Amino acid sequence: MSYDNNMTGIISKNERKTTDKHPDIKGQCEINGVQYWVDGWAKTRTSDGGKFYSLSFKPKDAAKAAPAKAPAKAPAPAAGGFDDADDIPW
């Protein structure tokens, strides 16, 4: 009998936290057959001082995204000072 991990996960204290921006907790989970990394930050509600965790999920198999390419630049105007595609040259 195999164990179904779907819709389950784990979190634990982030022992490698060195700055306030690093998550307080880290873990992993599986949702609909997709495995995710889980990060969480301890927060305090301003309304009543209650404590909660803000969570972030990232697919484990997400390829490292290449930096977005800048949009292609329009071609430089022709030597006459106007774009060749213009019907009127002035």
PDB file of N, CA and C in Angstrom:
ATOM      1  N   MET A   1       0.839  -1.178   0.000  1.00  0.00           N
ATOM      2  CA  MET A   1       0.000   0.000   0.000  1.00  0.00           C
ATOM      3  C   MET A   1       0.888   1.246   0.000  1.00  0.00           C
ATOM      4  N   SER A   2       0.654   2.156  -0.954  1.00  0.00           N
ATOM      5  CA  SER A   2       1.451   3.378  -1.004  1.00  0.00           C
ATOM      6  C   SER A   2       0.713   4.504  -0.269  1.00  0.00           C
ATOM      7  N   TYR A   3       1.471   5.436   0.243  1.00  0.00           N
ATOM      8  CA  TYR A   3       0.912   6.554   1.005  1.00  0.00           C
ATOM      9  C   TYR A   3       0.607   7.703   0.057  1.00  0.00           C
ATOM     10  N   ASP A   4      -0.554   8.295   0.143  1.00  0.00           N
ATOM     11  CA  ASP A   4      -0.959   9.427  -0.700  1.00  0.00           C
ATOM     12  C   ASP A   4      -0.591  10.724   0.027  1.00  0.00           C
ATOM     13  N   ASN A   5       0.382  11.452  -0.526  1.00  0.00           N
ATOM     14  CA  ASN A   5       0.816  12.718   0.067  1.00  0.00           C
ATOM     15  C   ASN A   5       0.009  13.913  -0.416  1.00  0.00           C
ATOM     16  N   ASN A   6      -0.968  13.681  -1.306  1.00  0.00           N
ATOM     17  CA  ASN A   6      -1.704  14.798  -1.882  1.00  0.00           C
ATOM     18  C   ASN A   6      -2.416  15.601  -0.790  1.00  0.00           C
ATOM     19  N   MET A   7      -2.338  16.925  -0.913  1.00  0.00           N
ATOM     20  CA  MET A   7      -2.970  17.866   0.005  1.00  0.00           C
ATOM     21  C   MET A   7      -2.374  17.796   1.410  1.00  0.00           C
ATOM     22  N   THR A   8      -1.105  17.423   1.502  1.00  0.00           N
ATOM     23  CA  THR A   8      -0.407  17.400   2.786  1.00  0.00           C
ATOM     24  C   THR A   8       0.925  18.122   2.639  1.00  0.00           C
ATOM     25  N   GLY A   9       1.528  18.454   3.762  1.00  0.00           N
ATOM     26  CA  GLY A   9       2.828  19.096   3.735  1.00  0.00           C
ATOM     27  C   GLY A   9       3.424  19.194   5.107  1.00  0.00           C
ATOM     28  N   ILE A  10       4.631  19.750   5.168  1.00  0.00           N
ATOM     29  CA  ILE A  10       5.326  19.951   6.440  1.00  0.00           C
ATOM     30  C   ILE A  10       5.976  21.324   6.435  1.00  0.00           C
ATOM     31  N   ILE A  11       6.146  21.896   7.617  1.00  0.00           N
ATOM     32  CA  ILE A  11       6.902  23.131   7.789  1.00  0.00           C
ATOM     33  C   ILE A  11       7.705  23.004   9.081  1.00  0.00           C
ATOM     34  N   SER A  12       8.826  23.711   9.127  1.00  0.00           N
ATOM     35  CA  SER A  12       9.629  23.746  10.349  1.00  0.00           C
ATOM     36  C   SER A  12      10.383  25.070  10.398  1.00  0.00           C
ATOM     37  N   LYS A  13      10.945  25.364  11.550  1.00  0.00           N
ATOM     38  CA  LYS A  13      11.692  26.608  11.737  1.00  0.00           C
ATOM     39  C   LYS A  13      12.849  26.671  10.754  1.00  0.00           C
ATOM     40  N   ASN A  14      13.063  27.840  10.159  1.00  0.00           N
ATOM     41  CA  ASN A  14      14.170  28.055   9.234  1.00  0.00           C
ATOM     42  C   ASN A  14      15.438  28.317  10.048  1.00  0.00           C
ATOM     43  N   GLU A  15      16.266  27.314  10.165  1.00  0.00           N
ATOM     44  CA  GLU A  15      17.505  27.424  10.954  1.00  0.00           C
ATOM     45  C   GLU A  15      18.579  28.255  10.243  1.00  0.00           C
ATOM     46  N   ARG A  16      18.378  28.560   8.962  1.00  0.00           N
ATOM     47  CA  ARG A  16      19.369  29.323   8.191  1.00  0.00           C
ATOM     48  C   ARG A  16      19.008  30.797   8.046  1.00  0.00           C
ATOM     49  N   LYS A  17      18.009  31.267   8.743  1.00  0.00           N
ATOM     50  CA  LYS A  17      17.577  32.659   8.638  1.00  0.00           C
ATOM     51  C   LYS A  17      18.675  33.579   9.164  1.00  0.00           C
ATOM     52  N   THR A  18      19.088  34.538   8.329  1.00  0.00           N
ATOM     53  CA  THR A  18      20.120  35.487   8.752  1.00  0.00           C
ATOM     54  C   THR A  18      19.681  36.942   8.626  1.00  0.00           C
ATOM     55  N   THR A  19      18.579  37.184   7.882  1.00  0.00           N
ATOM     56  CA  THR A  19      18.047  38.547   7.763  1.00  0.00           C
ATOM     57  C   THR A  19      16.542  38.494   7.976  1.00  0.00           C
ATOM     58  N   ASP A  20      15.923  39.654   8.231  1.00  0.00           N
ATOM     59  CA  ASP A  20      14.477  39.718   8.428  1.00  0.00           C
ATOM     60  C   ASP A  20      13.704  39.325   7.177  1.00  0.00           C
ATOM     61  N   LYS A  21      14.319  39.427   6.013  1.00  0.00           N
ATOM     62  CA  LYS A  21      13.632  39.082   4.766  1.00  0.00           C
ATOM     63  C   LYS A  21      13.557  37.575   4.544  1.00  0.00           C
ATOM     64  N   HIS A  22      14.425  36.812   5.174  1.00  0.00           N
ATOM     65  CA  HIS A  22      14.386  35.354   5.042  1.00  0.00           C
ATOM     66  C   HIS A  22      13.150  34.818   5.755  1.00  0.00           C
ATOM     67  N   PRO A  23      12.553  33.732   5.237  1.00  0.00           N
ATOM     68  CA  PRO A  23      11.357  33.188   5.895  1.00  0.00           C
ATOM     69  C   PRO A  23      11.663  32.640   7.286  1.00  0.00           C
ATOM     70  N   ASP A  24      10.665  32.724   8.164  1.00  0.00           N
ATOM     71  CA  ASP A  24      10.784  32.182   9.525  1.00  0.00           C
ATOM     72  C   ASP A  24      10.605  30.664   9.525  1.00  0.00           C
ATOM     73  N   ILE A  25       9.778  30.182   8.596  1.00  0.00           N
ATOM     74  CA  ILE A  25       9.548  28.745   8.461  1.00  0.00           C
ATOM     75  C   ILE A  25       9.727  28.341   7.006  1.00  0.00           C
ATOM     76  N   LYS A  26      10.101  27.084   6.783  1.00  0.00           N
ATOM     77  CA  LYS A  26      10.268  26.541   5.430  1.00  0.00           C
ATOM     78  C   LYS A  26       9.711  25.123   5.432  1.00  0.00           C
ATOM     79  N   GLY A  27       9.330  24.660   4.269  1.00  0.00           N
ATOM     80  CA  GLY A  27       8.827  23.305   4.178  1.00  0.00           C
ATOM     81  C   GLY A  27       8.467  22.936   2.760  1.00  0.00           C
ATOM     82  N   GLN A  28       7.603  21.934   2.657  1.00  0.00           N
ATOM     83  CA  GLN A  28       7.177  21.457   1.353  1.00  0.00           C
ATOM     84  C   GLN A  28       5.771  20.898   1.466  1.00  0.00           C
ATOM     85  N   CYS A  29       5.073  20.840   0.333  1.00  0.00           N
ATOM     86  CA  CYS A  29       3.737  20.264   0.317  1.00  0.00           C
ATOM     87  C   CYS A  29       3.447  19.715  -1.070  1.00  0.00           C
ATOM     88  N   GLU A  30       2.332  18.989  -1.174  1.00  0.00           N
ATOM     89  CA  GLU A  30       1.880  18.461  -2.454  1.00  0.00           C
ATOM     90  C   GLU A  30       0.417  18.828  -2.617  1.00  0.00           C
ATOM     91  N   ILE A  31       0.086  19.484  -3.728  1.00  0.00           N
ATOM     92  CA  ILE A  31      -1.283  19.894  -4.013  1.00  0.00           C
ATOM     93  C   ILE A  31      -1.627  19.419  -5.421  1.00  0.00           C
ATOM     94  N   ASN A  32      -2.635  18.578  -5.514  1.00  0.00           N
ATOM     95  CA  ASN A  32      -3.072  18.019  -6.799  1.00  0.00           C
ATOM     96  C   ASN A  32      -1.918  17.386  -7.571  1.00  0.00           C
ATOM     97  N   GLY A  33      -1.067  16.676  -6.867  1.00  0.00           N
ATOM     98  CA  GLY A  33       0.033  15.959  -7.494  1.00  0.00           C
ATOM     99  C   GLY A  33       1.251  16.811  -7.814  1.00  0.00           C
ATOM    100  N   VAL A  34       1.217  18.102  -7.518  1.00  0.00           N
ATOM    101  CA  VAL A  34       2.352  18.999  -7.784  1.00  0.00           C
ATOM    102  C   VAL A  34       3.033  19.309  -6.457  1.00  0.00           C
ATOM    103  N   GLN A  35       4.347  19.143  -6.420  1.00  0.00           N
ATOM    104  CA  GLN A  35       5.100  19.411  -5.192  1.00  0.00           C
ATOM    105  C   GLN A  35       5.575  20.863  -5.176  1.00  0.00           C
ATOM    106  N   TYR A  36       5.455  21.489  -3.992  1.00  0.00           N
ATOM    107  CA  TYR A  36       5.806  22.901  -3.813  1.00  0.00           C
ATOM    108  C   TYR A  36       6.762  23.071  -2.639  1.00  0.00           C
ATOM    109  N   TRP A  37       7.601  24.100  -2.723  1.00  0.00           N
ATOM    110  CA  TRP A  37       8.362  24.584  -1.576  1.00  0.00           C
ATOM    111  C   TRP A  37       7.461  25.591  -0.879  1.00  0.00           C
ATOM    112  N   VAL A  38       7.489  25.616   0.447  1.00  0.00           N
ATOM    113  CA  VAL A  38       6.666  26.537   1.231  1.00  0.00           C
ATOM    114  C   VAL A  38       7.585  27.411   2.078  1.00  0.00           C
ATOM    115  N   ASP A  39       7.381  28.710   2.037  1.00  0.00           N
ATOM    116  CA  ASP A  39       8.087  29.661   2.893  1.00  0.00           C
ATOM    117  C   ASP A  39       7.038  30.419   3.694  1.00  0.00           C
ATOM    118  N   GLY A  40       7.352  30.778   4.932  1.00  0.00           N
ATOM    119  CA  GLY A  40       6.405  31.507   5.758  1.00  0.00           C
ATOM    120  C   GLY A  40       7.087  32.541   6.639  1.00  0.00           C
ATOM    121  N   TRP A  41       6.389  33.640   6.845  1.00  0.00           N
ATOM    122  CA  TRP A  41       6.893  34.729   7.673  1.00  0.00           C
ATOM    123  C   TRP A  41       5.910  34.998   8.797  1.00  0.00           C
ATOM    124  N   ALA A  42       6.388  35.057  10.039  1.00  0.00           N
ATOM    125  CA  ALA A  42       5.549  35.373  11.190  1.00  0.00           C
ATOM    126  C   ALA A  42       5.172  36.847  11.117  1.00  0.00           C
ATOM    127  N   LYS A  43       3.893  37.123  11.252  1.00  0.00           N
ATOM    128  CA  LYS A  43       3.380  38.497  11.160  1.00  0.00           C
ATOM    129  C   LYS A  43       2.495  38.783  12.366  1.00  0.00           C
ATOM    130  N   THR A  44       2.241  40.076  12.590  1.00  0.00           N
ATOM    131  CA  THR A  44       1.344  40.522  13.648  1.00  0.00           C
ATOM    132  C   THR A  44       0.283  41.428  13.033  1.00  0.00           C
ATOM    133  N   ARG A  45      -1.000  41.118  13.291  1.00  0.00           N
ATOM    134  CA  ARG A  45      -2.089  41.949  12.787  1.00  0.00           C
ATOM    135  C   ARG A  45      -2.058  43.300  13.482  1.00  0.00           C
ATOM    136  N   THR A  46      -2.210  44.352  12.699  1.00  0.00           N
ATOM    137  CA  THR A  46      -2.226  45.690  13.285  1.00  0.00           C
ATOM    138  C   THR A  46      -3.540  45.964  14.003  1.00  0.00           C
ATOM    139  N   SER A  47      -4.620  45.297  13.584  1.00  0.00           N
ATOM    140  CA  SER A  47      -5.935  45.567  14.177  1.00  0.00           C
ATOM    141  C   SER A  47      -6.047  45.103  15.624  1.00  0.00           C
ATOM    142  N   ASP A  48      -5.500  43.916  15.940  1.00  0.00           N
ATOM    143  CA  ASP A  48      -5.664  43.394  17.296  1.00  0.00           C
ATOM    144  C   ASP A  48      -4.410  42.756  17.881  1.00  0.00           C
ATOM    145  N   GLY A  49      -3.295  42.821  17.158  1.00  0.00           N
ATOM    146  CA  GLY A  49      -2.050  42.266  17.671  1.00  0.00           C
ATOM    147  C   GLY A  49      -1.948  40.759  17.560  1.00  0.00           C
ATOM    148  N   GLY A  50      -2.930  40.115  16.915  1.00  0.00           N
ATOM    149  CA  GLY A  50      -2.903  38.660  16.754  1.00  0.00           C
ATOM    150  C   GLY A  50      -1.767  38.218  15.840  1.00  0.00           C
ATOM    151  N   LYS A  51      -1.294  37.011  16.036  1.00  0.00           N
ATOM    152  CA  LYS A  51      -0.186  36.460  15.261  1.00  0.00           C
ATOM    153  C   LYS A  51      -0.713  35.581  14.130  1.00  0.00           C
ATOM    154  N   PHE A  52       0.006  35.575  12.997  1.00  0.00           N
ATOM    155  CA  PHE A  52      -0.322  34.703  11.882  1.00  0.00           C
ATOM    156  C   PHE A  52       0.918  34.503  11.022  1.00  0.00           C
ATOM    157  N   TYR A  53       0.851  33.591  10.056  1.00  0.00           N
ATOM    158  CA  TYR A  53       1.934  33.362   9.104  1.00  0.00           C
ATOM    159  C   TYR A  53       1.463  33.741   7.709  1.00  0.00           C
ATOM    160  N   SER A  54       2.290  34.464   7.001  1.00  0.00           N
ATOM    161  CA  SER A  54       2.092  34.755   5.588  1.00  0.00           C
ATOM    162  C   SER A  54       2.883  33.700   4.820  1.00  0.00           C
ATOM    163  N   LEU A  55       2.237  32.996   3.867  1.00  0.00           N
ATOM    164  CA  LEU A  55       2.881  31.883   3.174  1.00  0.00           C
ATOM    165  C   LEU A  55       3.111  32.176   1.699  1.00  0.00           C
ATOM    166  N   SER A  56       4.152  31.535   1.163  1.00  0.00           N
ATOM    167  CA  SER A  56       4.478  31.607  -0.254  1.00  0.00           C
ATOM    168  C   SER A  56       4.750  30.188  -0.740  1.00  0.00           C
ATOM    169  N   PHE A  57       4.227  29.842  -1.923  1.00  0.00           N
ATOM    170  CA  PHE A  57       4.404  28.510  -2.506  1.00  0.00           C
ATOM    171  C   PHE A  57       5.108  28.650  -3.851  1.00  0.00           C
ATOM    172  N   LYS A  58       6.087  27.784  -4.091  1.00  0.00           N
ATOM    173  CA  LYS A  58       6.817  27.792  -5.357  1.00  0.00           C
ATOM    174  C   LYS A  58       6.949  26.348  -5.841  1.00  0.00           C
ATOM    175  N   PRO A  59       6.518  26.051  -7.085  1.00  0.00           N
ATOM    176  CA  PRO A  59       6.654  24.673  -7.581  1.00  0.00           C
ATOM    177  C   PRO A  59       8.106  24.207  -7.508  1.00  0.00           C
ATOM    178  N   LYS A  60       8.301  22.976  -7.033  1.00  0.00           N
ATOM    179  CA  LYS A  60       9.661  22.439  -6.906  1.00  0.00           C
ATOM    180  C   LYS A  60      10.341  22.291  -8.258  1.00  0.00           C
ATOM    181  N   ASP A  61       9.591  21.918  -9.278  1.00  0.00           N
ATOM    182  CA  ASP A  61      10.216  21.672 -10.576  1.00  0.00           C
ATOM    183  C   ASP A  61      10.260  22.903 -11.466  1.00  0.00           C
ATOM    184  N   ALA A  62       9.949  24.070 -10.923  1.00  0.00           N
ATOM    185  CA  ALA A  62       9.993  25.289 -11.728  1.00  0.00           C
ATOM    186  C   ALA A  62      11.424  25.541 -12.176  1.00  0.00           C
ATOM    187  N   ALA A  63      11.590  25.607 -13.474  1.00  0.00           N
ATOM    188  CA  ALA A  63      12.926  25.877 -14.018  1.00  0.00           C
ATOM    189  C   ALA A  63      13.329  27.291 -13.639  1.00  0.00           C
ATOM    190  N   LYS A  64      14.584  27.484 -13.423  1.00  0.00           N
ATOM    191  CA  LYS A  64      15.067  28.827 -13.134  1.00  0.00           C
ATOM    192  C   LYS A  64      14.753  29.694 -14.345  1.00  0.00           C
ATOM    193  N   ALA A  65      13.918  30.672 -14.111  1.00  0.00           N
ATOM    194  CA  ALA A  65      13.481  31.526 -15.212  1.00  0.00           C
ATOM    195  C   ALA A  65      14.645  32.375 -15.695  1.00  0.00           C
ATOM    196  N   ALA A  66      14.805  32.398 -17.002  1.00  0.00           N
ATOM    197  CA  ALA A  66      15.833  33.254 -17.596  1.00  0.00           C
ATOM    198  C   ALA A  66      15.359  34.691 -17.475  1.00  0.00           C
ATOM    199  N   PRO A  67      16.282  35.622 -17.339  1.00  0.00           N
ATOM    200  CA  PRO A  67      15.867  37.020 -17.263  1.00  0.00           C
ATOM    201  C   PRO A  67      15.042  37.383 -18.497  1.00  0.00           C
ATOM    202  N   ALA A  68      13.997  38.157 -18.266  1.00  0.00           N
ATOM    203  CA  ALA A  68      13.135  38.559 -19.379  1.00  0.00           C
ATOM    204  C   ALA A  68      13.931  39.384 -20.376  1.00  0.00           C
ATOM    205  N   LYS A  69      13.702  39.105 -21.642  1.00  0.00           N
ATOM    206  CA  LYS A  69      14.386  39.864 -22.685  1.00  0.00           C
ATOM    207  C   LYS A  69      13.674  41.186 -22.866  1.00  0.00           C
ATOM    208  N   ALA A  70      14.462  42.215 -23.151  1.00  0.00           N
ATOM    209  CA  ALA A  70      13.890  43.524 -23.416  1.00  0.00           C
ATOM    210  C   ALA A  70      13.156  43.456 -24.754  1.00  0.00           C
ATOM    211  N   PRO A  71      12.083  44.224 -24.898  1.00  0.00           N
ATOM    212  CA  PRO A  71      11.382  44.219 -26.171  1.00  0.00           C
ATOM    213  C   PRO A  71      12.311  44.661 -27.299  1.00  0.00           C
ATOM    214  N   ALA A  72      12.067  44.134 -28.477  1.00  0.00           N
ATOM    215  CA  ALA A  72      12.903  44.483 -29.632  1.00  0.00           C
ATOM    216  C   ALA A  72      12.777  45.972 -29.908  1.00  0.00           C
ATOM    217  N   LYS A  73      13.891  46.587 -30.231  1.00  0.00           N
ATOM    218  CA  LYS A  73      13.894  48.008 -30.547  1.00  0.00           C
ATOM    219  C   LYS A  73      13.415  48.206 -31.980  1.00  0.00           C
ATOM    220  N   ALA A  74      12.742  49.329 -32.191  1.00  0.00           N
ATOM    221  CA  ALA A  74      12.312  49.673 -33.538  1.00  0.00           C
ATOM    222  C   ALA A  74      13.546  49.960 -34.374  1.00  0.00           C
ATOM    223  N   PRO A  75      13.503  49.657 -35.669  1.00  0.00           N
ATOM    224  CA  PRO A  75      14.662  49.935 -36.511  1.00  0.00           C
ATOM    225  C   PRO A  75      14.957  51.431 -36.550  1.00  0.00           C
ATOM    226  N   ALA A  76      16.210  51.770 -36.680  1.00  0.00           N
ATOM    227  CA  ALA A  76      16.617  53.169 -36.747  1.00  0.00           C
ATOM    228  C   ALA A  76      16.093  53.791 -38.041  1.00  0.00           C
ATOM    229  N   PRO A  77      15.797  55.082 -38.027  1.00  0.00           N
ATOM    230  CA  PRO A  77      15.336  55.742 -39.249  1.00  0.00           C
ATOM    231  C   PRO A  77      16.376  55.613 -40.356  1.00  0.00           C
ATOM    232  N   ALA A  78      15.893  55.658 -41.578  1.00  0.00           N
ATOM    233  CA  ALA A  78      16.789  55.570 -42.743  1.00  0.00           C
ATOM    234  C   ALA A  78      17.660  56.809 -42.805  1.00  0.00           C
ATOM    235  N   ALA A  79      18.665  56.762 -43.657  1.00  0.00           N
ATOM    236  CA  ALA A  79      19.641  57.848 -43.763  1.00  0.00           C
ATOM    237  C   ALA A  79      19.000  59.184 -44.074  1.00  0.00           C
ATOM    238  N   GLY A  80      17.846  59.201 -44.716  1.00  0.00           N
ATOM    239  CA  GLY A  80      17.185  60.453 -45.063  1.00  0.00           C
ATOM    240  C   GLY A  80      16.502  61.106 -43.877  1.00  0.00           C
ATOM    241  N   GLY A  81      16.565  60.513 -42.715  1.00  0.00           N
ATOM    242  CA  GLY A  81      15.972  61.110 -41.534  1.00  0.00           C
ATOM    243  C   GLY A  81      14.529  60.698 -41.307  1.00  0.00           C
ATOM    244  N   PHE A  82      14.007  59.780 -42.107  1.00  0.00           N
ATOM    245  CA  PHE A  82      12.654  59.296 -41.898  1.00  0.00           C
ATOM    246  C   PHE A  82      12.633  57.782 -42.041  1.00  0.00           C
ATOM    247  N   ASP A  83      11.609  57.186 -41.523  1.00  0.00           N
ATOM    248  CA  ASP A  83      11.461  55.751 -41.564  1.00  0.00           C
ATOM    249  C   ASP A  83      11.050  55.323 -42.968  1.00  0.00           C
ATOM    250  N   ASP A  84      11.671  54.281 -43.515  1.00  0.00           N
ATOM    251  CA  ASP A  84      11.360  53.795 -44.856  1.00  0.00           C
ATOM    252  C   ASP A  84       9.899  53.402 -44.999  1.00  0.00           C
ATOM    253  N   ALA A  85       9.251  53.039 -43.885  1.00  0.00           N
ATOM    254  CA  ALA A  85       7.864  52.616 -43.953  1.00  0.00           C
ATOM    255  C   ALA A  85       6.904  53.789 -44.096  1.00  0.00           C
ATOM    256  N   ASP A  86       7.372  55.008 -43.845  1.00  0.00           N
ATOM    257  CA  ASP A  86       6.511  56.186 -43.970  1.00  0.00           C
ATOM    258  C   ASP A  86       6.176  56.423 -45.431  1.00  0.00           C
ATOM    259  N   ASP A  87       4.937  56.805 -45.690  1.00  0.00           N
ATOM    260  CA  ASP A  87       4.536  57.150 -47.057  1.00  0.00           C
ATOM    261  C   ASP A  87       4.938  58.566 -47.406  1.00  0.00           C
ATOM    262  N   ILE A  88       4.975  59.424 -46.403  1.00  0.00           N
ATOM    263  CA  ILE A  88       5.302  60.829 -46.637  1.00  0.00           C
ATOM    264  C   ILE A  88       6.663  61.104 -46.005  1.00  0.00           C
ATOM    265  N   PRO A  89       7.638  61.552 -46.794  1.00  0.00           N
ATOM    266  CA  PRO A  89       9.005  61.701 -46.305  1.00  0.00           C
ATOM    267  C   PRO A  89       9.280  62.971 -45.517  1.00  0.00           C
ATOM    268  N   TRP A  90       8.322  63.797 -45.157  1.00  0.00           N
ATOM    269  CA  TRP A  90       8.643  65.002 -44.386  1.00  0.00           C
ATOM    270  C   TRP A  90       8.128  64.989 -43.009  1.00  0.00           C
TER     271      TRP A  90
END
